[in-house]
Amino acid sequence: MNEEMLELAISRIAMLEQKLERYFQLLNVENELGFILKGTYILESDVEKILNGQ
């Protein structure tokens, strides 16, 4: 049982690391174009708004 709990804890830590990395990546994006260039999902209507300066 302790081994299972350890494996679960390691798995959860790995998931938290991934979430933190993603969070800091988003903090480093300076503008909407950065989101697009970094491959973050964005709606086509939002792209049009960005290109139109809205």
Protein backbone atom coordinates (compact mmCIF):
# COMPACT_ATOMS: atom_id res chain seq x y z
CA MET A 1 0.00 0.00 0.00
CA ASN A 2 2.82 2.44 0.79
CA GLU A 3 4.34 1.78 -2.62
CA GLU A 4 1.01 2.56 -4.28
CA MET A 5 0.71 5.79 -2.31
CA LEU A 6 4.25 6.76 -3.31
CA GLU A 7 3.52 6.10 -6.98
CA LEU A 8 0.32 8.15 -6.73
CA ALA A 9 2.20 11.01 -5.06
CA ILE A 10 4.91 10.95 -7.75
CA SER A 11 2.23 10.97 -10.46
CA ARG A 12 0.46 13.93 -8.88
CA ILE A 13 3.73 15.84 -8.49
CA ALA A 14 4.49 15.27 -12.19
CA MET A 15 1.02 16.60 -13.11
CA LEU A 16 1.54 19.66 -10.92
CA GLU A 17 4.93 20.30 -12.53
CA GLN A 18 3.30 20.26 -15.96
CA LYS A 19 0.59 22.67 -14.82
CA LEU A 20 3.17 25.03 -13.32
CA GLU A 21 5.27 24.96 -16.49
CA ARG A 22 2.18 25.80 -18.56
CA TYR A 23 1.21 28.59 -16.18
CA PHE A 24 4.64 30.20 -16.41
CA GLN A 25 4.62 29.85 -20.20
CA LEU A 26 1.36 31.78 -20.27
CA LEU A 27 2.83 34.45 -17.99
CA ASN A 28 5.71 34.90 -20.42
CA VAL A 29 3.47 35.48 -23.43
CA GLU A 30 3.52 39.21 -24.10
CA ASN A 31 0.53 39.56 -26.41
CA GLU A 32 -2.11 37.70 -28.39
CA LEU A 33 0.24 37.08 -31.31
CA GLY A 34 2.56 35.32 -28.88
CA PHE A 35 -0.26 32.92 -28.05
CA ILE A 36 -0.68 32.10 -31.71
CA LEU A 37 3.04 31.71 -32.34
CA LYS A 38 3.45 29.45 -29.32
CA GLY A 39 0.67 27.18 -30.59
CA THR A 40 -1.99 27.96 -28.02
CA TYR A 41 -5.49 27.21 -29.25
CA ILE A 42 -7.35 30.29 -30.37
CA LEU A 43 -10.65 30.71 -32.17
CA GLU A 44 -10.68 31.98 -35.76
CA SER A 45 -12.93 34.87 -34.73
CA ASP A 46 -10.35 35.88 -32.13
CA VAL A 47 -7.59 35.81 -34.75
CA GLU A 48 -9.68 38.14 -36.92
CA LYS A 49 -10.15 40.53 -34.00
CA ILE A 50 -6.40 40.54 -33.34
CA LEU A 51 -5.61 41.23 -36.98
CA ASN A 52 -8.19 44.03 -37.00
CA GLY A 53 -6.67 45.59 -33.88
CA GLN A 54 -9.66 44.97 -31.64
